[in-house]
Amino acid sequence: MEIKRTETIKASVGKDAHTSVYVCTWNEKVQIEVGDFDSNGVWHEFEMTMPLAVGRVLSEELAEDINEYDAKVEKEKVEAAAEEALNDDDTNS
């Protein structure tokens, strides 16, 4: 591992943030860039470079977590709709 910076950086980006992923074939690295404007209109860009193996693990974990989130939200919508239908039936009885 090569460390160039030893501080923690936390950033939140909005839904309109710019994202870019580049897989370098010559060195088997993945480069991820995320950029967005802050509340003062200043552009900030973050770049992470990692071995291809780490990029694969990251992408698998990200896809899995998003799929689990989507399934949970869908289940909650179905349950809410069923409860609403039940309440409508009780009101109309």
C-alpha atoms as a PDB file:
ATOM      1  CA  MET A   1       0.000   0.000   0.000  1.00  0.00           C
ATOM      2  CA  GLU A   2       1.279   3.431  -0.883  1.00  0.00           C
ATOM      3  CA  ILE A   3       0.093   6.227   1.389  1.00  0.00           C
ATOM      4  CA  LYS A   4       0.407   9.780   0.215  1.00  0.00           C
ATOM      5  CA  ARG A   5      -1.926  11.349   2.737  1.00  0.00           C
ATOM      6  CA  THR A   6      -2.599  10.341   6.323  1.00  0.00           C
ATOM      7  CA  GLU A   7      -5.703  12.308   7.173  1.00  0.00           C
ATOM      8  CA  THR A   8      -9.335  11.301   6.906  1.00  0.00           C
ATOM      9  CA  ILE A   9     -11.347  13.097   4.283  1.00  0.00           C
ATOM     10  CA  LYS A  10     -15.121  12.875   4.319  1.00  0.00           C
ATOM     11  CA  ALA A  11     -17.141  14.386   1.535  1.00  0.00           C
ATOM     12  CA  SER A  12     -20.809  14.308   0.644  1.00  0.00           C
ATOM     13  CA  VAL A  13     -21.829  14.841  -2.945  1.00  0.00           C
ATOM     14  CA  GLY A  14     -25.190  15.613  -4.468  1.00  0.00           C
ATOM     15  CA  LYS A  15     -27.199  13.657  -7.005  1.00  0.00           C
ATOM     16  CA  ASP A  16     -25.717  15.742  -9.830  1.00  0.00           C
ATOM     17  CA  ALA A  17     -22.108  14.898  -8.947  1.00  0.00           C
ATOM     18  CA  HIS A  18     -19.755  13.966 -11.761  1.00  0.00           C
ATOM     19  CA  THR A  19     -18.400  10.432 -11.585  1.00  0.00           C
ATOM     20  CA  SER A  20     -15.844   8.673 -13.709  1.00  0.00           C
ATOM     21  CA  VAL A  21     -14.225   5.237 -13.629  1.00  0.00           C
ATOM     22  CA  TYR A  22     -11.205   4.256 -15.678  1.00  0.00           C
ATOM     23  CA  VAL A  23      -9.595   0.811 -15.745  1.00  0.00           C
ATOM     24  CA  CYS A  24      -5.940   1.112 -16.685  1.00  0.00           C
ATOM     25  CA  THR A  25      -4.937  -1.873 -18.800  1.00  0.00           C
ATOM     26  CA  TRP A  26      -1.216  -1.175 -18.617  1.00  0.00           C
ATOM     27  CA  ASN A  27      -0.939  -1.325 -14.809  1.00  0.00           C
ATOM     28  CA  GLU A  28      -4.118  -3.181 -13.758  1.00  0.00           C
ATOM     29  CA  LYS A  29      -5.374  -0.284 -11.644  1.00  0.00           C
ATOM     30  CA  VAL A  30      -8.811   1.259 -11.309  1.00  0.00           C
ATOM     31  CA  GLN A  31      -9.182   5.018 -11.062  1.00  0.00           C
ATOM     32  CA  ILE A  32     -12.385   6.450  -9.595  1.00  0.00           C
ATOM     33  CA  GLU A  33     -13.136  10.171  -9.740  1.00  0.00           C
ATOM     34  CA  VAL A  34     -16.008  12.008  -8.057  1.00  0.00           C
ATOM     35  CA  GLY A  35     -16.514  15.736  -8.385  1.00  0.00           C
ATOM     36  CA  ASP A  36     -19.139  18.203  -7.235  1.00  0.00           C
ATOM     37  CA  PHE A  37     -19.643  21.852  -6.357  1.00  0.00           C
ATOM     38  CA  ASP A  38     -19.831  22.881  -2.703  1.00  0.00           C
ATOM     39  CA  SER A  39     -22.363  25.381  -1.330  1.00  0.00           C
ATOM     40  CA  ASN A  40     -20.022  28.240  -2.343  1.00  0.00           C
ATOM     41  CA  GLY A  41     -19.861  27.101  -5.950  1.00  0.00           C
ATOM     42  CA  VAL A  42     -16.301  25.763  -5.636  1.00  0.00           C
ATOM     43  CA  TRP A  43     -15.568  22.568  -7.597  1.00  0.00           C
ATOM     44  CA  HIS A  44     -13.992  19.716  -5.630  1.00  0.00           C
ATOM     45  CA  GLU A  45     -12.743  16.521  -7.222  1.00  0.00           C
ATOM     46  CA  PHE A  46     -11.608  13.370  -5.453  1.00  0.00           C
ATOM     47  CA  GLU A  47      -9.561  10.702  -7.183  1.00  0.00           C
ATOM     48  CA  MET A  48      -8.859   7.221  -5.865  1.00  0.00           C
ATOM     49  CA  THR A  49      -6.559   4.729  -7.570  1.00  0.00           C
ATOM     50  CA  MET A  50      -6.544   1.096  -6.488  1.00  0.00           C
ATOM     51  CA  PRO A  51      -5.465  -2.318  -7.740  1.00  0.00           C
ATOM     52  CA  LEU A  52      -7.932  -3.987 -10.086  1.00  0.00           C
ATOM     53  CA  ALA A  53      -8.643  -6.701  -7.491  1.00  0.00           C
ATOM     54  CA  VAL A  54      -9.720  -4.074  -4.938  1.00  0.00           C
ATOM     55  CA  GLY A  55     -11.872  -2.361  -7.584  1.00  0.00           C
ATOM     56  CA  ARG A  56     -13.612  -5.658  -8.278  1.00  0.00           C
ATOM     57  CA  VAL A  57     -14.363  -6.220  -4.581  1.00  0.00           C
ATOM     58  CA  LEU A  58     -15.594  -2.640  -4.228  1.00  0.00           C
ATOM     59  CA  SER A  59     -17.884  -2.891  -7.263  1.00  0.00           C
ATOM     60  CA  GLU A  60     -19.314  -6.232  -6.102  1.00  0.00           C
ATOM     61  CA  GLU A  61     -19.991  -4.881  -2.617  1.00  0.00           C
ATOM     62  CA  LEU A  62     -21.535  -1.699  -4.000  1.00  0.00           C
ATOM     63  CA  ALA A  63     -23.820  -3.619  -6.372  1.00  0.00           C
ATOM     64  CA  GLU A  64     -24.844  -6.033  -3.602  1.00  0.00           C
ATOM     65  CA  ASP A  65     -25.616  -3.243  -1.131  1.00  0.00           C
ATOM     66  CA  ILE A  66     -27.642  -1.277  -3.705  1.00  0.00           C
ATOM     67  CA  ASN A  67     -29.601  -4.391  -4.701  1.00  0.00           C
ATOM     68  CA  GLU A  68     -30.364  -5.126  -1.024  1.00  0.00           C
ATOM     69  CA  TYR A  69     -31.471  -1.520  -0.530  1.00  0.00           C
ATOM     70  CA  ASP A  70     -33.719  -1.637  -3.605  1.00  0.00           C
ATOM     71  CA  ALA A  71     -35.277  -4.929  -2.434  1.00  0.00           C
ATOM     72  CA  LYS A  72     -35.931  -3.464   1.027  1.00  0.00           C
ATOM     73  CA  VAL A  73     -37.556  -0.329  -0.412  1.00  0.00           C
ATOM     74  CA  GLU A  74     -39.721  -2.422  -2.749  1.00  0.00           C
ATOM     75  CA  LYS A  75     -40.795  -4.676   0.129  1.00  0.00           C
ATOM     76  CA  GLU A  76     -41.710  -1.636   2.238  1.00  0.00           C
ATOM     77  CA  LYS A  77     -43.775  -0.207  -0.660  1.00  0.00           C
ATOM     78  CA  VAL A  78     -45.650  -3.489  -1.076  1.00  0.00           C
ATOM     79  CA  GLU A  79     -46.295  -3.728   2.672  1.00  0.00           C
ATOM     80  CA  ALA A  80     -47.481  -0.098   2.807  1.00  0.00           C
ATOM     81  CA  ALA A  81     -49.813  -0.651  -0.156  1.00  0.00           C
ATOM     82  CA  ALA A  82     -51.215  -3.822   1.461  1.00  0.00           C
ATOM     83  CA  GLU A  83     -51.770  -2.000   4.743  1.00  0.00           C
ATOM     84  CA  GLU A  84     -53.464   0.883   2.951  1.00  0.00           C
ATOM     85  CA  ALA A  85     -55.736  -1.534   1.077  1.00  0.00           C
ATOM     86  CA  LEU A  86     -56.605  -3.232   4.368  1.00  0.00           C
ATOM     87  CA  ASN A  87     -57.391   0.135   5.960  1.00  0.00           C
ATOM     88  CA  ASP A  88     -59.546   1.084   2.950  1.00  0.00           C
ATOM     89  CA  ASP A  89     -61.456  -2.191   3.311  1.00  0.00           C
ATOM     90  CA  ASP A  90     -62.020  -1.513   7.023  1.00  0.00           C
ATOM     91  CA  THR A  91     -63.233   2.031   6.258  1.00  0.00           C
ATOM     92  CA  ASN A  92     -65.642   0.851   3.582  1.00  0.00           C
ATOM     93  CA  SER A  93     -67.115  -1.939   5.737  1.00  0.00           C
END
